[in-house]
Amino acid sequence: MDKKHIVVLTGAGISAESGLQTFRDSDGLWMGYDVYEVASPRGWKKNPALVLDFYNMRRKDVAAAHPNAAHIGLAELEKDFDVTIITQNIDDLHERAGSSKIIHLHGQIFQMRSEADEDTIYEIRSDINVGDKAKDGAQLRPNIVWFEEPVPMIEKAVALVNDCDVLAVVGTSLQVYPAASLLHYAPRYLPKYIIDKKIPAVQSSPTLHLIEMPATEGVNELRRQLLKIQ
């Protein structure tokens, strides 16, 4: 018998338990920076050196972090289910935990790309500096989807949500769009699970199950509930 297809949308809350800070908990500040200064095309145009320094620091933070029980628990779901992770996070903790199918909606911290061509992408583990150029001669920038930029992978994510057996949302405030809209694209009859230490405001329905726990505990509870409906 085919395995049920579980789509899991993850947000900053899952990586926060690995020590990676979020900005939604800090009135729009991320590590003391206004997010639009370091995560928007306007900020990049105004001060590329500041933006590069900011992401160079984030890259070091992610390299020093480790997958937690929630990341590992989602990877272990693959023993019993066909699992696709759609993550808003730019870190690689899902990969390191062992998940095999991951869509990064907002880009990846260990990639950089040409400022002029979003398809010219390179792996990066060290720093990016002003003056570092892609093959096309343009400045290199983090391969991150910033505020006010389109989200190229959102259409693929919508298609997955429309054609899965279960949708789970883990550690996201459901405030960042278009990612937050994925919950609304899910069919009404689809079983949905929301896991967060503080459940965001959502419209209740018979198919919606709320697990108000930190991600590290909630993923374990999710697996227990999913195995009952397997």
N, C-alpha and C. Protein backbone atom coordinates (compact mmCIF):
# COMPACT_ATOMS: atom_id res chain seq x y z
N MET A 1 0.85 -1.19 0.00
CA MET A 1 0.00 0.00 0.00
C MET A 1 0.88 1.24 0.00
N ASP A 2 0.50 2.25 -0.81
CA ASP A 2 1.28 3.48 -0.88
C ASP A 2 1.24 4.22 0.46
N LYS A 3 2.35 4.84 0.78
CA LYS A 3 2.40 5.64 1.99
C LYS A 3 1.60 6.93 1.81
N LYS A 4 0.95 7.38 2.89
CA LYS A 4 0.29 8.67 2.86
C LYS A 4 1.33 9.78 2.66
N HIS A 5 0.93 10.80 1.88
CA HIS A 5 1.84 11.92 1.63
C HIS A 5 1.57 13.03 2.65
N ILE A 6 2.56 13.31 3.49
CA ILE A 6 2.48 14.36 4.50
C ILE A 6 3.29 15.55 4.02
N VAL A 7 2.67 16.72 3.94
CA VAL A 7 3.38 17.96 3.64
C VAL A 7 3.51 18.73 4.95
N VAL A 8 4.72 19.16 5.26
CA VAL A 8 4.99 19.87 6.51
C VAL A 8 5.56 21.25 6.18
N LEU A 9 4.86 22.30 6.61
CA LEU A 9 5.35 23.66 6.49
C LEU A 9 6.04 24.04 7.79
N THR A 10 7.32 24.39 7.72
CA THR A 10 8.05 24.75 8.94
C THR A 10 8.48 26.21 8.89
N GLY A 11 8.54 26.81 10.10
CA GLY A 11 8.95 28.19 10.22
C GLY A 11 10.04 28.37 11.25
N ALA A 12 10.28 29.62 11.61
CA ALA A 12 11.42 29.96 12.46
C ALA A 12 11.37 29.28 13.82
N GLY A 13 10.15 28.97 14.30
CA GLY A 13 10.03 28.37 15.62
C GLY A 13 10.74 27.04 15.76
N ILE A 14 10.84 26.28 14.67
CA ILE A 14 11.49 24.97 14.77
C ILE A 14 13.00 25.15 14.93
N SER A 15 13.57 26.15 14.25
CA SER A 15 15.01 26.36 14.34
C SER A 15 15.39 27.18 15.56
N ALA A 16 14.43 27.90 16.12
CA ALA A 16 14.71 28.66 17.35
C ALA A 16 15.16 27.73 18.47
N GLU A 17 14.65 26.50 18.45
CA GLU A 17 15.04 25.54 19.49
C GLU A 17 16.44 24.97 19.25
N SER A 18 17.03 25.34 18.12
CA SER A 18 18.44 25.02 17.88
C SER A 18 19.32 26.24 18.12
N GLY A 19 18.71 27.31 18.66
CA GLY A 19 19.48 28.50 19.00
C GLY A 19 19.53 29.57 17.93
N LEU A 20 18.78 29.40 16.84
CA LEU A 20 18.77 30.40 15.78
C LEU A 20 17.63 31.38 16.03
N GLN A 21 17.97 32.65 16.19
CA GLN A 21 16.99 33.64 16.61
C GLN A 21 16.02 33.99 15.49
N THR A 22 14.80 34.35 15.90
CA THR A 22 13.78 34.81 14.96
C THR A 22 13.66 36.32 15.10
N PHE A 23 12.96 36.94 14.15
CA PHE A 23 12.74 38.37 14.29
C PHE A 23 11.31 38.70 14.68
N ARG A 24 10.38 37.80 14.45
CA ARG A 24 8.99 38.09 14.78
C ARG A 24 8.76 38.25 16.28
N ASP A 25 9.67 37.71 17.07
CA ASP A 25 9.54 37.85 18.52
C ASP A 25 10.15 39.15 19.03
N SER A 26 10.68 39.97 18.12
CA SER A 26 11.45 41.13 18.57
C SER A 26 10.98 42.42 17.90
N ASP A 27 9.67 42.55 17.67
CA ASP A 27 9.11 43.78 17.11
C ASP A 27 9.76 44.16 15.78
N GLY A 28 9.97 43.19 14.92
CA GLY A 28 10.53 43.48 13.61
C GLY A 28 12.04 43.61 13.59
N LEU A 29 12.69 43.37 14.71
CA LEU A 29 14.15 43.42 14.74
C LEU A 29 14.72 42.01 14.62
N TRP A 30 15.80 41.89 13.87
CA TRP A 30 16.46 40.60 13.71
C TRP A 30 17.90 40.81 14.14
N MET A 31 18.26 40.22 15.29
CA MET A 31 19.61 40.38 15.84
C MET A 31 19.97 41.85 16.00
N GLY A 32 18.97 42.68 16.33
CA GLY A 32 19.21 44.10 16.53
C GLY A 32 19.10 44.95 15.28
N TYR A 33 18.83 44.34 14.13
CA TYR A 33 18.73 45.07 12.88
C TYR A 33 17.27 45.21 12.46
N ASP A 34 16.91 46.34 11.87
CA ASP A 34 15.63 46.47 11.19
C ASP A 34 15.66 45.51 9.99
N VAL A 35 14.66 44.65 9.91
CA VAL A 35 14.71 43.62 8.86
C VAL A 35 14.75 44.22 7.46
N TYR A 36 14.15 45.40 7.27
CA TYR A 36 14.16 45.99 5.93
C TYR A 36 15.52 46.57 5.57
N GLU A 37 16.38 46.79 6.57
CA GLU A 37 17.74 47.24 6.29
C GLU A 37 18.62 46.09 5.79
N VAL A 38 18.29 44.86 6.20
CA VAL A 38 19.15 43.72 5.86
C VAL A 38 18.45 42.64 5.05
N ALA A 39 17.15 42.81 4.78
CA ALA A 39 16.42 41.75 4.08
C ALA A 39 15.42 42.34 3.09
N SER A 40 15.88 43.32 2.31
CA SER A 40 15.04 43.90 1.27
C SER A 40 15.92 44.44 0.16
N PRO A 41 15.41 44.52 -1.07
CA PRO A 41 16.21 45.12 -2.15
C PRO A 41 16.62 46.56 -1.84
N ARG A 42 15.75 47.29 -1.12
CA ARG A 42 16.09 48.67 -0.75
C ARG A 42 17.30 48.71 0.17
N GLY A 43 17.30 47.80 1.16
CA GLY A 43 18.44 47.74 2.06
C GLY A 43 19.72 47.37 1.34
N TRP A 44 19.62 46.43 0.41
CA TRP A 44 20.77 45.99 -0.38
C TRP A 44 21.33 47.13 -1.21
N LYS A 45 20.45 47.89 -1.85
CA LYS A 45 20.90 49.01 -2.68
C LYS A 45 21.53 50.10 -1.82
N LYS A 46 20.98 50.31 -0.64
CA LYS A 46 21.45 51.36 0.25
C LYS A 46 22.82 51.03 0.85
N ASN A 47 22.99 49.78 1.29
CA ASN A 47 24.22 49.42 2.00
C ASN A 47 24.53 47.94 1.82
N PRO A 48 25.06 47.56 0.67
CA PRO A 48 25.34 46.14 0.43
C PRO A 48 26.34 45.56 1.42
N ALA A 49 27.29 46.36 1.89
CA ALA A 49 28.28 45.85 2.83
C ALA A 49 27.60 45.42 4.14
N LEU A 50 26.64 46.20 4.61
CA LEU A 50 25.91 45.85 5.83
C LEU A 50 25.14 44.55 5.63
N VAL A 51 24.48 44.41 4.49
CA VAL A 51 23.70 43.20 4.21
C VAL A 51 24.60 41.99 4.15
N LEU A 52 25.73 42.11 3.46
CA LEU A 52 26.65 40.98 3.36
C LEU A 52 27.21 40.60 4.73
N ASP A 53 27.57 41.58 5.53
CA ASP A 53 28.08 41.29 6.88
C ASP A 53 27.02 40.57 7.71
N PHE A 54 25.78 41.03 7.59
CA PHE A 54 24.70 40.42 8.35
C PHE A 54 24.55 38.94 7.99
N TYR A 55 24.53 38.63 6.70
CA TYR A 55 24.36 37.22 6.30
C TYR A 55 25.62 36.40 6.52
N ASN A 56 26.78 37.04 6.48
CA ASN A 56 27.99 36.32 6.85
C ASN A 56 27.91 35.85 8.29
N MET A 57 27.36 36.70 9.16
CA MET A 57 27.18 36.30 10.56
C MET A 57 26.13 35.20 10.68
N ARG A 58 25.04 35.31 9.92
CA ARG A 58 24.00 34.29 9.97
C ARG A 58 24.55 32.93 9.50
N ARG A 59 25.43 32.98 8.50
CA ARG A 59 26.01 31.74 7.97
C ARG A 59 26.84 31.05 9.06
N LYS A 60 27.58 31.83 9.80
CA LYS A 60 28.37 31.26 10.91
C LYS A 60 27.44 30.69 11.99
N ASP A 61 26.35 31.41 12.28
CA ASP A 61 25.39 30.93 13.29
C ASP A 61 24.81 29.58 12.89
N VAL A 62 24.41 29.45 11.62
CA VAL A 62 23.80 28.21 11.15
C VAL A 62 24.82 27.08 11.17
N ALA A 63 26.04 27.37 10.75
CA ALA A 63 27.09 26.34 10.74
C ALA A 63 27.34 25.79 12.14
N ALA A 64 27.17 26.65 13.15
CA ALA A 64 27.42 26.22 14.53
C ALA A 64 26.22 25.53 15.18
N ALA A 65 25.04 25.66 14.56
CA ALA A 65 23.82 25.08 15.13
C ALA A 65 23.70 23.60 14.75
N HIS A 66 22.83 22.91 15.46
CA HIS A 66 22.61 21.49 15.20
C HIS A 66 21.12 21.20 15.10
N PRO A 67 20.72 20.22 14.28
CA PRO A 67 19.31 19.84 14.23
C PRO A 67 18.82 19.43 15.61
N ASN A 68 17.58 19.79 15.92
CA ASN A 68 17.01 19.39 17.20
C ASN A 68 16.04 18.23 17.02
N ALA A 69 15.37 17.86 18.10
CA ALA A 69 14.49 16.69 18.06
C ALA A 69 13.34 16.86 17.07
N ALA A 70 12.93 18.10 16.83
CA ALA A 70 11.84 18.33 15.87
C ALA A 70 12.31 18.05 14.44
N HIS A 71 13.48 18.56 14.08
CA HIS A 71 14.03 18.27 12.75
C HIS A 71 14.21 16.76 12.56
N ILE A 72 14.77 16.13 13.57
CA ILE A 72 15.04 14.69 13.49
C ILE A 72 13.73 13.91 13.44
N GLY A 73 12.75 14.34 14.23
CA GLY A 73 11.46 13.66 14.23
C GLY A 73 10.76 13.73 12.89
N LEU A 74 10.84 14.87 12.21
CA LEU A 74 10.24 14.99 10.89
C LEU A 74 10.95 14.09 9.88
N ALA A 75 12.27 14.00 9.99
CA ALA A 75 13.02 13.10 9.11
C ALA A 75 12.61 11.65 9.36
N GLU A 76 12.39 11.30 10.61
CA GLU A 76 12.02 9.92 10.95
C GLU A 76 10.60 9.57 10.51
N LEU A 77 9.77 10.59 10.25
CA LEU A 77 8.43 10.31 9.72
C LEU A 77 8.49 9.58 8.38
N GLU A 78 9.63 9.71 7.69
CA GLU A 78 9.77 9.06 6.38
C GLU A 78 9.77 7.54 6.48
N LYS A 79 9.94 7.00 7.68
CA LYS A 79 9.84 5.55 7.84
C LYS A 79 8.42 5.06 7.56
N ASP A 80 7.44 5.91 7.84
CA ASP A 80 6.05 5.49 7.73
C ASP A 80 5.25 6.28 6.71
N PHE A 81 5.78 7.43 6.26
CA PHE A 81 5.03 8.30 5.37
C PHE A 81 5.94 8.84 4.26
N ASP A 82 5.30 9.28 3.20
CA ASP A 82 5.98 10.05 2.16
C ASP A 82 5.92 11.51 2.62
N VAL A 83 7.06 12.10 2.93
CA VAL A 83 7.09 13.42 3.58
C VAL A 83 7.79 14.44 2.69
N THR A 84 7.14 15.58 2.51
CA THR A 84 7.76 16.73 1.85
C THR A 84 7.79 17.88 2.84
N ILE A 85 8.97 18.44 3.04
CA ILE A 85 9.13 19.61 3.91
C ILE A 85 9.12 20.87 3.05
N ILE A 86 8.25 21.79 3.37
CA ILE A 86 8.28 23.13 2.79
C ILE A 86 8.71 24.05 3.92
N THR A 87 9.89 24.64 3.81
CA THR A 87 10.38 25.44 4.93
C THR A 87 10.54 26.90 4.56
N GLN A 88 10.20 27.75 5.51
CA GLN A 88 10.46 29.18 5.38
C GLN A 88 11.88 29.52 5.84
N ASN A 89 12.56 28.55 6.39
CA ASN A 89 13.88 28.79 6.99
C ASN A 89 14.99 28.70 5.95
N ILE A 90 16.02 29.51 6.16
CA ILE A 90 17.14 29.52 5.22
C ILE A 90 18.28 28.61 5.67
N ASP A 91 18.13 27.99 6.83
CA ASP A 91 19.18 27.09 7.32
C ASP A 91 19.08 25.72 6.67
N ASP A 92 20.07 24.87 6.98
CA ASP A 92 20.12 23.53 6.39
C ASP A 92 19.87 22.44 7.43
N LEU A 93 19.15 22.78 8.51
CA LEU A 93 18.97 21.81 9.59
C LEU A 93 18.08 20.64 9.19
N HIS A 94 17.11 20.86 8.31
CA HIS A 94 16.31 19.73 7.83
C HIS A 94 17.18 18.75 7.04
N GLU A 95 18.06 19.30 6.20
CA GLU A 95 18.95 18.43 5.43
C GLU A 95 19.85 17.62 6.37
N ARG A 96 20.42 18.29 7.35
CA ARG A 96 21.34 17.60 8.25
C ARG A 96 20.62 16.59 9.15
N ALA A 97 19.33 16.81 9.38
CA ALA A 97 18.56 15.86 10.18
C ALA A 97 18.19 14.61 9.39
N GLY A 98 18.27 14.69 8.05
CA GLY A 98 18.01 13.51 7.25
C GLY A 98 16.77 13.55 6.39
N SER A 99 16.02 14.66 6.37
CA SER A 99 14.87 14.76 5.48
C SER A 99 15.35 14.73 4.03
N SER A 100 14.59 14.04 3.17
CA SER A 100 15.07 13.83 1.81
C SER A 100 14.40 14.73 0.77
N LYS A 101 13.23 15.28 1.09
CA LYS A 101 12.53 16.15 0.13
C LYS A 101 12.21 17.48 0.81
N ILE A 102 12.93 18.53 0.42
CA ILE A 102 12.83 19.83 1.08
C ILE A 102 12.73 20.93 0.03
N ILE A 103 11.75 21.80 0.23
CA ILE A 103 11.61 23.00 -0.60
C ILE A 103 11.89 24.21 0.28
N HIS A 104 12.85 25.02 -0.11
CA HIS A 104 13.18 26.24 0.64
C HIS A 104 12.47 27.42 -0.03
N LEU A 105 11.42 27.91 0.60
CA LEU A 105 10.66 29.02 0.03
C LEU A 105 11.49 30.31 -0.01
N HIS A 106 12.31 30.52 0.98
CA HIS A 106 12.98 31.82 1.12
C HIS A 106 14.47 31.75 0.86
N GLY A 107 14.92 30.70 0.16
CA GLY A 107 16.33 30.61 -0.19
C GLY A 107 17.14 29.85 0.84
N GLN A 108 18.47 29.85 0.62
CA GLN A 108 19.35 29.05 1.47
C GLN A 108 20.61 29.84 1.83
N ILE A 109 20.96 29.83 3.10
CA ILE A 109 22.08 30.62 3.59
C ILE A 109 23.41 30.15 3.03
N PHE A 110 23.52 28.87 2.64
CA PHE A 110 24.78 28.36 2.11
C PHE A 110 24.82 28.40 0.58
N GLN A 111 24.06 29.33 0.03
CA GLN A 111 24.12 29.59 -1.41
C GLN A 111 24.25 31.10 -1.63
N MET A 112 24.90 31.45 -2.73
CA MET A 112 24.96 32.85 -3.17
C MET A 112 24.63 32.87 -4.66
N ARG A 113 24.22 34.05 -5.12
CA ARG A 113 23.85 34.15 -6.53
C ARG A 113 24.26 35.49 -7.11
N SER A 114 24.24 35.55 -8.42
CA SER A 114 24.51 36.79 -9.11
C SER A 114 23.42 37.81 -8.79
N GLU A 115 23.83 39.04 -8.57
CA GLU A 115 22.87 40.12 -8.36
C GLU A 115 21.98 40.31 -9.58
N ALA A 116 22.51 39.98 -10.76
CA ALA A 116 21.79 40.23 -12.01
C ALA A 116 20.98 39.04 -12.49
N ASP A 117 21.32 37.83 -12.03
CA ASP A 117 20.68 36.62 -12.56
C ASP A 117 20.40 35.66 -11.42
N GLU A 118 19.13 35.50 -11.07
CA GLU A 118 18.78 34.66 -9.92
C GLU A 118 19.04 33.18 -10.16
N ASP A 119 19.32 32.79 -11.41
CA ASP A 119 19.59 31.38 -11.70
C ASP A 119 21.08 31.05 -11.69
N THR A 120 21.94 32.05 -11.53
CA THR A 120 23.38 31.81 -11.41
C THR A 120 23.71 31.67 -9.93
N ILE A 121 23.76 30.42 -9.47
CA ILE A 121 23.84 30.12 -8.04
C ILE A 121 25.11 29.32 -7.74
N TYR A 122 25.74 29.62 -6.62
CA TYR A 122 26.94 28.92 -6.17
C TYR A 122 26.79 28.54 -4.70
N GLU A 123 27.45 27.46 -4.33
CA GLU A 123 27.53 27.11 -2.91
C GLU A 123 28.53 28.05 -2.23
N ILE A 124 28.28 28.36 -0.96
CA ILE A 124 29.17 29.23 -0.21
C ILE A 124 29.18 28.82 1.26
N ARG A 125 30.37 28.64 1.82
CA ARG A 125 30.51 28.31 3.25
C ARG A 125 31.27 29.41 3.98
N SER A 126 31.95 30.25 3.26
CA SER A 126 32.72 31.32 3.89
C SER A 126 31.95 32.64 3.76
N ASP A 127 32.65 33.76 3.70
CA ASP A 127 32.01 35.07 3.62
C ASP A 127 31.83 35.50 2.17
N ILE A 128 30.84 36.35 1.94
CA ILE A 128 30.68 37.07 0.67
C ILE A 128 31.07 38.51 0.95
N ASN A 129 31.88 39.10 0.07
CA ASN A 129 32.35 40.46 0.28
C ASN A 129 31.99 41.35 -0.90
N VAL A 130 31.89 42.64 -0.64
CA VAL A 130 31.70 43.60 -1.73
C VAL A 130 32.88 43.46 -2.69
N GLY A 131 32.58 43.31 -3.96
CA GLY A 131 33.62 43.09 -4.97
C GLY A 131 33.72 41.66 -5.44
N ASP A 132 33.10 40.73 -4.71
CA ASP A 132 33.06 39.34 -5.17
C ASP A 132 32.06 39.25 -6.31
N LYS A 133 32.51 38.72 -7.44
CA LYS A 133 31.69 38.74 -8.65
C LYS A 133 31.32 37.34 -9.12
N ALA A 134 30.13 37.24 -9.72
CA ALA A 134 29.70 36.02 -10.40
C ALA A 134 30.36 35.96 -11.77
N LYS A 135 30.16 34.84 -12.49
CA LYS A 135 30.75 34.69 -13.82
C LYS A 135 30.29 35.77 -14.78
N ASP A 136 29.05 36.29 -14.53
CA ASP A 136 28.52 37.32 -15.43
C ASP A 136 29.02 38.72 -15.08
N GLY A 137 29.90 38.82 -14.09
CA GLY A 137 30.47 40.11 -13.72
C GLY A 137 29.69 40.89 -12.69
N ALA A 138 28.52 40.37 -12.29
CA ALA A 138 27.69 41.07 -11.32
C ALA A 138 28.11 40.71 -9.89
N GLN A 139 27.82 41.61 -8.97
CA GLN A 139 28.10 41.37 -7.56
C GLN A 139 27.35 40.14 -7.07
N LEU A 140 28.01 39.34 -6.24
CA LEU A 140 27.36 38.20 -5.61
C LEU A 140 26.59 38.65 -4.37
N ARG A 141 25.42 38.04 -4.15
CA ARG A 141 24.58 38.33 -2.99
C ARG A 141 24.07 37.02 -2.42
N PRO A 142 23.60 37.01 -1.20
CA PRO A 142 23.02 35.77 -0.66
C PRO A 142 21.84 35.31 -1.52
N ASN A 143 21.71 34.00 -1.68
CA ASN A 143 20.56 33.46 -2.42
C ASN A 143 19.37 33.35 -1.46
N ILE A 144 18.89 34.51 -1.04
CA ILE A 144 17.80 34.64 -0.09
C ILE A 144 16.67 35.42 -0.76
N VAL A 145 15.44 34.98 -0.54
CA VAL A 145 14.28 35.74 -1.01
C VAL A 145 13.97 36.78 0.05
N TRP A 146 14.20 38.04 -0.29
CA TRP A 146 14.00 39.13 0.65
C TRP A 146 12.56 39.62 0.62
N PHE A 147 12.20 40.39 1.62
CA PHE A 147 10.91 41.07 1.61
C PHE A 147 10.81 41.92 0.33
N GLU A 148 9.61 41.95 -0.25
CA GLU A 148 9.31 42.70 -1.47
C GLU A 148 9.84 42.01 -2.73
N GLU A 149 10.38 40.81 -2.60
CA GLU A 149 10.77 40.03 -3.77
C GLU A 149 9.79 38.88 -3.98
N PRO A 150 9.59 38.44 -5.23
CA PRO A 150 8.71 37.29 -5.47
C PRO A 150 9.29 36.01 -4.87
N VAL A 151 8.41 35.07 -4.57
CA VAL A 151 8.82 33.78 -3.99
C VAL A 151 8.68 32.72 -5.09
N PRO A 152 9.78 32.38 -5.77
CA PRO A 152 9.67 31.51 -6.95
C PRO A 152 9.07 30.14 -6.68
N MET A 153 9.27 29.59 -5.47
CA MET A 153 8.83 28.22 -5.20
C MET A 153 7.40 28.14 -4.67
N ILE A 154 6.70 29.27 -4.57
CA ILE A 154 5.39 29.23 -3.94
C ILE A 154 4.37 28.44 -4.77
N GLU A 155 4.45 28.50 -6.08
CA GLU A 155 3.49 27.76 -6.91
C GLU A 155 3.66 26.25 -6.74
N LYS A 156 4.89 25.79 -6.66
CA LYS A 156 5.14 24.37 -6.41
C LYS A 156 4.61 23.98 -5.04
N ALA A 157 4.80 24.85 -4.06
CA ALA A 157 4.31 24.57 -2.71
C ALA A 157 2.79 24.48 -2.69
N VAL A 158 2.12 25.39 -3.39
CA VAL A 158 0.65 25.36 -3.45
C VAL A 158 0.17 24.06 -4.07
N ALA A 159 0.82 23.62 -5.13
CA ALA A 159 0.43 22.36 -5.79
C ALA A 159 0.58 21.18 -4.84
N LEU A 160 1.63 21.17 -4.05
CA LEU A 160 1.85 20.08 -3.09
C LEU A 160 0.77 20.07 -2.01
N VAL A 161 0.43 21.25 -1.51
CA VAL A 161 -0.59 21.36 -0.47
C VAL A 161 -1.95 20.92 -1.00
N ASN A 162 -2.19 21.18 -2.26
CA ASN A 162 -3.47 20.80 -2.88
C ASN A 162 -3.59 19.31 -3.12
N ASP A 163 -2.47 18.60 -3.09
CA ASP A 163 -2.50 17.20 -3.52
C ASP A 163 -1.79 16.29 -2.51
N CYS A 164 -1.99 16.57 -1.21
CA CYS A 164 -1.39 15.71 -0.19
C CYS A 164 -2.49 15.08 0.65
N ASP A 165 -2.11 14.20 1.56
CA ASP A 165 -3.08 13.52 2.42
C ASP A 165 -3.22 14.21 3.78
N VAL A 166 -2.15 14.87 4.22
CA VAL A 166 -2.16 15.56 5.52
C VAL A 166 -1.24 16.78 5.40
N LEU A 167 -1.66 17.89 6.01
CA LEU A 167 -0.80 19.07 6.09
C LEU A 167 -0.49 19.35 7.55
N ALA A 168 0.79 19.53 7.85
CA ALA A 168 1.21 19.91 9.20
C ALA A 168 1.97 21.23 9.13
N VAL A 169 1.73 22.10 10.09
CA VAL A 169 2.40 23.39 10.17
C VAL A 169 3.15 23.43 11.50
N VAL A 170 4.46 23.63 11.45
CA VAL A 170 5.29 23.53 12.65
C VAL A 170 6.12 24.78 12.84
N GLY A 171 5.89 25.47 13.96
CA GLY A 171 6.77 26.57 14.36
C GLY A 171 6.72 27.79 13.47
N THR A 172 5.52 28.14 12.99
CA THR A 172 5.41 29.35 12.18
C THR A 172 4.29 30.23 12.72
N SER A 173 4.52 31.53 12.68
CA SER A 173 3.54 32.50 13.17
C SER A 173 2.39 32.69 12.20
N LEU A 174 2.52 32.16 10.97
CA LEU A 174 1.53 32.36 9.91
C LEU A 174 1.28 33.85 9.68
N GLN A 175 2.35 34.62 9.74
CA GLN A 175 2.27 36.06 9.48
C GLN A 175 3.03 36.48 8.23
N VAL A 176 3.93 35.63 7.75
CA VAL A 176 4.75 35.99 6.60
C VAL A 176 4.11 35.41 5.34
N TYR A 177 3.70 36.29 4.44
CA TYR A 177 3.06 35.85 3.19
C TYR A 177 4.06 35.93 2.05
N PRO A 178 3.89 35.08 1.04
CA PRO A 178 2.73 34.20 0.78
C PRO A 178 2.77 32.85 1.51
N ALA A 179 3.83 32.55 2.24
CA ALA A 179 3.92 31.23 2.88
C ALA A 179 2.71 30.95 3.77
N ALA A 180 2.27 31.96 4.51
CA ALA A 180 1.15 31.76 5.44
C ALA A 180 -0.14 31.38 4.72
N SER A 181 -0.23 31.76 3.44
CA SER A 181 -1.46 31.46 2.69
C SER A 181 -1.59 29.99 2.33
N LEU A 182 -0.52 29.22 2.49
CA LEU A 182 -0.58 27.80 2.12
C LEU A 182 -1.66 27.07 2.91
N LEU A 183 -1.87 27.46 4.15
CA LEU A 183 -2.92 26.83 4.96
C LEU A 183 -4.28 27.01 4.31
N HIS A 184 -4.50 28.15 3.66
CA HIS A 184 -5.79 28.44 3.04
C HIS A 184 -5.96 27.71 1.71
N TYR A 185 -4.86 27.34 1.09
CA TYR A 185 -4.94 26.60 -0.18
C TYR A 185 -5.27 25.12 0.04
N ALA A 186 -5.08 24.65 1.26
CA ALA A 186 -5.38 23.23 1.54
C ALA A 186 -6.88 22.99 1.43
N PRO A 187 -7.29 21.89 0.83
CA PRO A 187 -8.72 21.58 0.75
C PRO A 187 -9.36 21.53 2.13
N ARG A 188 -10.62 21.88 2.21
CA ARG A 188 -11.31 21.96 3.50
C ARG A 188 -11.35 20.60 4.22
N TYR A 189 -11.45 19.53 3.42
CA TYR A 189 -11.56 18.19 4.00
C TYR A 189 -10.22 17.64 4.50
N LEU A 190 -9.11 18.30 4.15
CA LEU A 190 -7.78 17.78 4.44
C LEU A 190 -7.47 17.84 5.93
N PRO A 191 -7.00 16.75 6.54
CA PRO A 191 -6.55 16.83 7.93
C PRO A 191 -5.36 17.79 8.07
N LYS A 192 -5.45 18.71 9.02
CA LYS A 192 -4.41 19.72 9.21
C LYS A 192 -4.01 19.74 10.68
N TYR A 193 -2.72 19.88 10.92
CA TYR A 193 -2.17 19.93 12.27
C TYR A 193 -1.32 21.19 12.39
N ILE A 194 -1.54 21.95 13.46
CA ILE A 194 -0.70 23.12 13.73
C ILE A 194 0.02 22.89 15.05
N ILE A 195 1.33 22.97 14.99
CA ILE A 195 2.17 22.78 16.18
C ILE A 195 2.91 24.07 16.46
N ASP A 196 2.72 24.62 17.65
CA ASP A 196 3.46 25.80 18.05
C ASP A 196 3.33 25.97 19.56
N LYS A 197 4.32 26.58 20.16
CA LYS A 197 4.23 26.82 21.60
C LYS A 197 3.14 27.83 21.93
N LYS A 198 2.79 28.65 20.92
CA LYS A 198 1.64 29.55 21.04
C LYS A 198 0.91 29.51 19.70
N ILE A 199 -0.25 28.85 19.67
CA ILE A 199 -0.97 28.64 18.42
C ILE A 199 -1.40 29.99 17.84
N PRO A 200 -1.07 30.26 16.57
CA PRO A 200 -1.51 31.52 15.95
C PRO A 200 -3.01 31.51 15.73
N ALA A 201 -3.57 32.69 15.49
CA ALA A 201 -5.02 32.82 15.27
C ALA A 201 -5.38 32.14 13.95
N VAL A 202 -6.22 31.11 14.03
CA VAL A 202 -6.68 30.39 12.85
C VAL A 202 -8.16 30.08 13.01
N GLN A 203 -8.83 29.94 11.88
CA GLN A 203 -10.25 29.60 11.93
C GLN A 203 -10.40 28.12 12.24
N SER A 204 -11.20 27.81 13.22
CA SER A 204 -11.37 26.40 13.61
C SER A 204 -12.17 25.65 12.57
N SER A 205 -11.92 24.35 12.49
CA SER A 205 -12.69 23.48 11.59
C SER A 205 -12.56 22.05 12.11
N PRO A 206 -13.47 21.16 11.71
CA PRO A 206 -13.41 19.78 12.20
C PRO A 206 -12.14 19.04 11.79
N THR A 207 -11.48 19.51 10.74
CA THR A 207 -10.28 18.82 10.27
C THR A 207 -8.99 19.44 10.82
N LEU A 208 -9.12 20.47 11.66
CA LEU A 208 -7.95 21.17 12.18
C LEU A 208 -7.63 20.68 13.59
N HIS A 209 -6.38 20.25 13.79
CA HIS A 209 -5.94 19.73 15.08
C HIS A 209 -4.82 20.63 15.60
N LEU A 210 -4.97 21.14 16.80
CA LEU A 210 -3.99 22.07 17.39
C LEU A 210 -3.16 21.36 18.45
N ILE A 211 -1.85 21.48 18.30
CA ILE A 211 -0.91 20.88 19.26
C ILE A 211 -0.07 22.02 19.82
N GLU A 212 -0.48 22.54 20.99
CA GLU A 212 0.21 23.69 21.56
C GLU A 212 1.38 23.21 22.41
N MET A 213 2.49 23.01 21.72
CA MET A 213 3.73 22.55 22.35
C MET A 213 4.90 23.12 21.58
N PRO A 214 6.07 23.21 22.20
CA PRO A 214 7.27 23.52 21.42
C PRO A 214 7.47 22.47 20.33
N ALA A 215 8.12 22.85 19.26
CA ALA A 215 8.28 21.94 18.14
C ALA A 215 8.93 20.62 18.54
N THR A 216 9.92 20.68 19.42
CA THR A 216 10.63 19.46 19.81
C THR A 216 9.71 18.44 20.48
N GLU A 217 8.68 18.92 21.18
CA GLU A 217 7.70 18.01 21.78
C GLU A 217 6.54 17.75 20.84
N GLY A 218 6.13 18.77 20.12
CA GLY A 218 4.95 18.66 19.28
C GLY A 218 5.10 17.71 18.11
N VAL A 219 6.30 17.64 17.54
CA VAL A 219 6.51 16.72 16.41
C VAL A 219 6.34 15.27 16.87
N ASN A 220 6.78 14.97 18.06
CA ASN A 220 6.59 13.62 18.61
C ASN A 220 5.09 13.31 18.77
N GLU A 221 4.34 14.29 19.26
CA GLU A 221 2.89 14.12 19.39
C GLU A 221 2.23 14.01 18.02
N LEU A 222 2.70 14.78 17.05
CA LEU A 222 2.19 14.67 15.68
C LEU A 222 2.36 13.26 15.15
N ARG A 223 3.55 12.70 15.33
CA ARG A 223 3.78 11.35 14.83
C ARG A 223 2.85 10.34 15.50
N ARG A 224 2.64 10.51 16.80
CA ARG A 224 1.73 9.61 17.51
C ARG A 224 0.32 9.68 16.93
N GLN A 225 -0.15 10.90 16.65
CA GLN A 225 -1.50 11.06 16.10
C GLN A 225 -1.60 10.57 14.65
N LEU A 226 -0.54 10.81 13.87
CA LEU A 226 -0.57 10.36 12.49
C LEU A 226 -0.57 8.83 12.37
N LEU A 227 0.16 8.18 13.23
CA LEU A 227 0.20 6.72 13.18
C LEU A 227 -1.17 6.11 13.49
N LYS A 228 -2.00 6.83 14.22
CA LYS A 228 -3.35 6.33 14.53
C LYS A 228 -4.26 6.39 13.32
N ILE A 229 -3.98 7.31 12.36
CA ILE A 229 -4.84 7.42 11.18
C ILE A 229 -4.19 6.82 9.94
N GLN A 230 -3.03 6.19 10.13
CA GLN A 230 -2.25 5.66 9.01
C GLN A 230 -3.06 4.66 8.17
